[in-house]
């Protein structure tokens, strides 16, 4: 069981009264404020609470703005890009939507976005490698 993503009915019942909401997540994560890494890990895992509200390039950047280090920011983007890769590429076969999302990111995140999409495809099934979103590499 986890607070943010209970995996069964029992977990949901047990976490219902202690799980944060979008409005209370910052306060909830303060209990881990004894270390910057603890607070950032708590805040980063809260992406699930925001649902589709953070699945645009602008909202992803806004959500990940809590991260104070490049590693924390990369982890934050990585979690969201993983979800998008699964949703856009593996589940609905909308590679173009994923590519469009990558192109909407700041330049410093575009390459990472394509990398995450490709890695997700290859990890799920090596035969998928030809479907990987290549972005600027497609013209090489």
C-alpha atoms as a PDB file:
ATOM      1  CA  UNK A   1       0.000   0.000   0.000  1.00  0.00           C
ATOM      2  CA  UNK A   2       1.120   3.541  -0.700  1.00  0.00           C
ATOM      3  CA  UNK A   3      -0.493   6.814   0.278  1.00  0.00           C
ATOM      4  CA  UNK A   4      -0.616   8.251  -3.227  1.00  0.00           C
ATOM      5  CA  UNK A   5      -1.590   5.138  -5.166  1.00  0.00           C
ATOM      6  CA  UNK A   6      -3.377   2.520  -3.075  1.00  0.00           C
ATOM      7  CA  UNK A   7      -3.301  -0.678  -5.082  1.00  0.00           C
ATOM      8  CA  UNK A   8      -6.367  -2.367  -3.687  1.00  0.00           C
ATOM      9  CA  UNK A   9      -9.611  -1.607  -1.865  1.00  0.00           C
ATOM     10  CA  UNK A  10      -8.008  -2.323   1.483  1.00  0.00           C
ATOM     11  CA  UNK A  11      -5.190   0.136   0.821  1.00  0.00           C
ATOM     12  CA  UNK A  12      -7.658   2.778  -0.274  1.00  0.00           C
ATOM     13  CA  UNK A  13      -9.676   2.449   2.918  1.00  0.00           C
ATOM     14  CA  UNK A  14      -6.534   2.575   5.067  1.00  0.00           C
ATOM     15  CA  UNK A  15      -5.099   5.640   3.335  1.00  0.00           C
ATOM     16  CA  UNK A  16      -8.315   7.610   2.824  1.00  0.00           C
ATOM     17  CA  UNK A  17      -8.016   9.699   5.988  1.00  0.00           C
ATOM     18  CA  UNK A  18      -4.281  10.341   5.761  1.00  0.00           C
ATOM     19  CA  UNK A  19      -3.765  10.829   2.037  1.00  0.00           C
ATOM     20  CA  UNK A  20      -3.132  14.420   0.961  1.00  0.00           C
ATOM     21  CA  UNK A  21      -5.048  16.301  -1.688  1.00  0.00           C
ATOM     22  CA  UNK A  22      -3.754  18.731  -4.293  1.00  0.00           C
ATOM     23  CA  UNK A  23      -4.516  21.512  -1.823  1.00  0.00           C
ATOM     24  CA  UNK A  24      -2.776  19.873   1.171  1.00  0.00           C
ATOM     25  CA  UNK A  25       0.180  18.071  -0.420  1.00  0.00           C
ATOM     26  CA  UNK A  26       2.757  20.739   0.444  1.00  0.00           C
ATOM     27  CA  UNK A  27       1.730  20.677   4.104  1.00  0.00           C
ATOM     28  CA  UNK A  28       1.646  16.881   4.060  1.00  0.00           C
ATOM     29  CA  UNK A  29       5.193  16.728   2.706  1.00  0.00           C
ATOM     30  CA  UNK A  30       6.468  19.110   5.397  1.00  0.00           C
ATOM     31  CA  UNK A  31       6.664  16.135   7.776  1.00  0.00           C
ATOM     32  CA  UNK A  32       9.588  14.981   5.637  1.00  0.00           C
ATOM     33  CA  UNK A  33      11.145  18.438   5.694  1.00  0.00           C
ATOM     34  CA  UNK A  34      13.995  17.322   7.917  1.00  0.00           C
ATOM     35  CA  UNK A  35      15.767  16.627   4.635  1.00  0.00           C
ATOM     36  CA  UNK A  36      15.433  18.355   1.295  1.00  0.00           C
ATOM     37  CA  UNK A  37      15.538  14.955  -0.434  1.00  0.00           C
ATOM     38  CA  UNK A  38      12.687  13.619   1.715  1.00  0.00           C
ATOM     39  CA  UNK A  39      10.461  16.600   0.994  1.00  0.00           C
ATOM     40  CA  UNK A  40      11.260  16.513  -2.723  1.00  0.00           C
ATOM     41  CA  UNK A  41      10.600  12.773  -2.915  1.00  0.00           C
ATOM     42  CA  UNK A  42       7.225  13.227  -1.220  1.00  0.00           C
ATOM     43  CA  UNK A  43       6.321  16.143  -3.472  1.00  0.00           C
ATOM     44  CA  UNK A  44       7.518  14.362  -6.600  1.00  0.00           C
ATOM     45  CA  UNK A  45       5.411  11.298  -5.945  1.00  0.00           C
ATOM     46  CA  UNK A  46       2.334  13.485  -5.596  1.00  0.00           C
ATOM     47  CA  UNK A  47       2.048  13.834  -9.386  1.00  0.00           C
ATOM     48  CA  UNK A  48      -0.736  11.252  -9.365  1.00  0.00           C
ATOM     49  CA  UNK A  49      -2.962  13.620  -7.360  1.00  0.00           C
ATOM     50  CA  UNK A  50      -2.874  16.183 -10.162  1.00  0.00           C
ATOM     51  CA  UNK A  51      -4.088  13.786 -12.846  1.00  0.00           C
ATOM     52  CA  UNK A  52      -4.336  15.201 -16.351  1.00  0.00           C
ATOM     53  CA  UNK A  53      -3.825  18.746 -15.039  1.00  0.00           C
ATOM     54  CA  UNK A  54      -0.049  18.364 -15.315  1.00  0.00           C
ATOM     55  CA  UNK A  55       0.126  16.573 -18.646  1.00  0.00           C
ATOM     56  CA  UNK A  56       0.980  19.566 -20.796  1.00  0.00           C
ATOM     57  CA  UNK A  57       4.518  20.895 -21.198  1.00  0.00           C
ATOM     58  CA  UNK A  58       3.650  24.101 -19.345  1.00  0.00           C
ATOM     59  CA  UNK A  59       1.921  22.361 -16.438  1.00  0.00           C
ATOM     60  CA  UNK A  60       4.702  19.787 -16.159  1.00  0.00           C
ATOM     61  CA  UNK A  61       7.241  22.609 -15.817  1.00  0.00           C
ATOM     62  CA  UNK A  62       5.032  24.291 -13.225  1.00  0.00           C
ATOM     63  CA  UNK A  63       4.569  21.069 -11.256  1.00  0.00           C
ATOM     64  CA  UNK A  64       8.299  20.244 -11.295  1.00  0.00           C
ATOM     65  CA  UNK A  65       9.272  23.750 -10.196  1.00  0.00           C
ATOM     66  CA  UNK A  66       9.380  22.505  -6.577  1.00  0.00           C
ATOM     67  CA  UNK A  67      12.599  20.587  -7.379  1.00  0.00           C
ATOM     68  CA  UNK A  68      15.687  22.424  -6.176  1.00  0.00           C
ATOM     69  CA  UNK A  69      18.366  20.237  -7.764  1.00  0.00           C
ATOM     70  CA  UNK A  70      18.899  19.038 -11.306  1.00  0.00           C
ATOM     71  CA  UNK A  71      18.549  15.410 -10.143  1.00  0.00           C
ATOM     72  CA  UNK A  72      15.219  16.112  -8.447  1.00  0.00           C
ATOM     73  CA  UNK A  73      13.970  17.976 -11.513  1.00  0.00           C
ATOM     74  CA  UNK A  74      15.073  15.127 -13.790  1.00  0.00           C
ATOM     75  CA  UNK A  75      13.272  12.623 -11.534  1.00  0.00           C
ATOM     76  CA  UNK A  76      10.121  14.738 -11.604  1.00  0.00           C
ATOM     77  CA  UNK A  77      10.114  15.051 -15.387  1.00  0.00           C
ATOM     78  CA  UNK A  78      11.025  11.376 -15.710  1.00  0.00           C
ATOM     79  CA  UNK A  79       7.979  10.179 -13.769  1.00  0.00           C
ATOM     80  CA  UNK A  80       5.612  12.297 -15.855  1.00  0.00           C
ATOM     81  CA  UNK A  81       7.294  11.380 -19.146  1.00  0.00           C
ATOM     82  CA  UNK A  82       7.061   7.722 -18.216  1.00  0.00           C
ATOM     83  CA  UNK A  83       3.298   8.064 -17.740  1.00  0.00           C
ATOM     84  CA  UNK A  84       2.948   9.957 -21.010  1.00  0.00           C
ATOM     85  CA  UNK A  85       5.025   7.411 -22.904  1.00  0.00           C
ATOM     86  CA  UNK A  86       2.837   4.611 -21.619  1.00  0.00           C
ATOM     87  CA  UNK A  87      -0.391   6.509 -22.344  1.00  0.00           C
ATOM     88  CA  UNK A  88       0.537   7.993 -25.724  1.00  0.00           C
ATOM     89  CA  UNK A  89       2.818   5.380 -27.221  1.00  0.00           C
ATOM     90  CA  UNK A  90       2.128   1.996 -25.691  1.00  0.00           C
ATOM     91  CA  UNK A  91      -1.562   2.189 -24.817  1.00  0.00           C
ATOM     92  CA  UNK A  92      -3.108   4.361 -27.515  1.00  0.00           C
ATOM     93  CA  UNK A  93      -0.364   4.332 -30.177  1.00  0.00           C
ATOM     94  CA  UNK A  94      -0.400   8.127 -30.434  1.00  0.00           C
ATOM     95  CA  UNK A  95       3.315   8.654 -31.046  1.00  0.00           C
ATOM     96  CA  UNK A  96       2.556  11.998 -32.707  1.00  0.00           C
ATOM     97  CA  UNK A  97       0.947  13.300 -29.505  1.00  0.00           C
ATOM     98  CA  UNK A  98       4.023  12.284 -27.526  1.00  0.00           C
ATOM     99  CA  UNK A  99       6.306  13.944 -30.071  1.00  0.00           C
ATOM    100  CA  UNK A 100       4.163  17.085 -29.907  1.00  0.00           C
ATOM    101  CA  UNK A 101       4.463  17.081 -26.133  1.00  0.00           C
ATOM    102  CA  UNK A 102       8.273  16.747 -26.365  1.00  0.00           C
ATOM    103  CA  UNK A 103       8.453  19.625 -28.838  1.00  0.00           C
ATOM    104  CA  UNK A 104       6.449  21.812 -26.442  1.00  0.00           C
ATOM    105  CA  UNK A 105       9.022  21.432 -23.663  1.00  0.00           C
ATOM    106  CA  UNK A 106      11.876  23.825 -23.027  1.00  0.00           C
ATOM    107  CA  UNK A 107      14.869  22.948 -25.191  1.00  0.00           C
ATOM    108  CA  UNK A 108      16.801  21.520 -22.250  1.00  0.00           C
ATOM    109  CA  UNK A 109      14.097  18.831 -21.728  1.00  0.00           C
ATOM    110  CA  UNK A 110      13.336  17.834 -25.324  1.00  0.00           C
ATOM    111  CA  UNK A 111      16.158  15.311 -25.668  1.00  0.00           C
ATOM    112  CA  UNK A 112      15.282  13.774 -22.312  1.00  0.00           C
ATOM    113  CA  UNK A 113      11.656  13.477 -23.428  1.00  0.00           C
ATOM    114  CA  UNK A 114      12.591  11.570 -26.582  1.00  0.00           C
ATOM    115  CA  UNK A 115      14.974   9.411 -24.577  1.00  0.00           C
ATOM    116  CA  UNK A 116      12.253   8.479 -22.090  1.00  0.00           C
ATOM    117  CA  UNK A 117       9.800   7.627 -24.876  1.00  0.00           C
ATOM    118  CA  UNK A 118      12.306   5.418 -26.652  1.00  0.00           C
ATOM    119  CA  UNK A 119      13.415   3.704 -23.444  1.00  0.00           C
ATOM    120  CA  UNK A 120       9.811   2.923 -22.527  1.00  0.00           C
ATOM    121  CA  UNK A 121       9.208   1.303 -25.904  1.00  0.00           C
ATOM    122  CA  UNK A 122      12.386  -0.749 -25.841  1.00  0.00           C
ATOM    123  CA  UNK A 123      11.848  -1.834 -22.235  1.00  0.00           C
ATOM    124  CA  UNK A 124       8.330  -2.991 -22.990  1.00  0.00           C
ATOM    125  CA  UNK A 125       9.219  -4.906 -26.149  1.00  0.00           C
ATOM    126  CA  UNK A 126      12.464  -4.714 -28.091  1.00  0.00           C
ATOM    127  CA  UNK A 127      10.512  -5.219 -31.317  1.00  0.00           C
ATOM    128  CA  UNK A 128       8.979  -1.764 -30.714  1.00  0.00           C
ATOM    129  CA  UNK A 129      12.252   0.055 -31.372  1.00  0.00           C
ATOM    130  CA  UNK A 130      11.142   1.165 -34.854  1.00  0.00           C
ATOM    131  CA  UNK A 131       8.184   3.004 -33.297  1.00  0.00           C
ATOM    132  CA  UNK A 132      10.351   5.035 -30.911  1.00  0.00           C
ATOM    133  CA  UNK A 133       9.792   8.795 -31.052  1.00  0.00           C
ATOM    134  CA  UNK A 134      13.035  10.134 -32.495  1.00  0.00           C
ATOM    135  CA  UNK A 135      12.288  13.823 -32.778  1.00  0.00           C
ATOM    136  CA  UNK A 136      15.185  15.599 -34.451  1.00  0.00           C
ATOM    137  CA  UNK A 137      16.999  12.294 -35.056  1.00  0.00           C
ATOM    138  CA  UNK A 138      14.374  11.058 -37.514  1.00  0.00           C
ATOM    139  CA  UNK A 139      15.966  13.069 -40.317  1.00  0.00           C
ATOM    140  CA  UNK A 140      19.464  11.663 -39.865  1.00  0.00           C
END
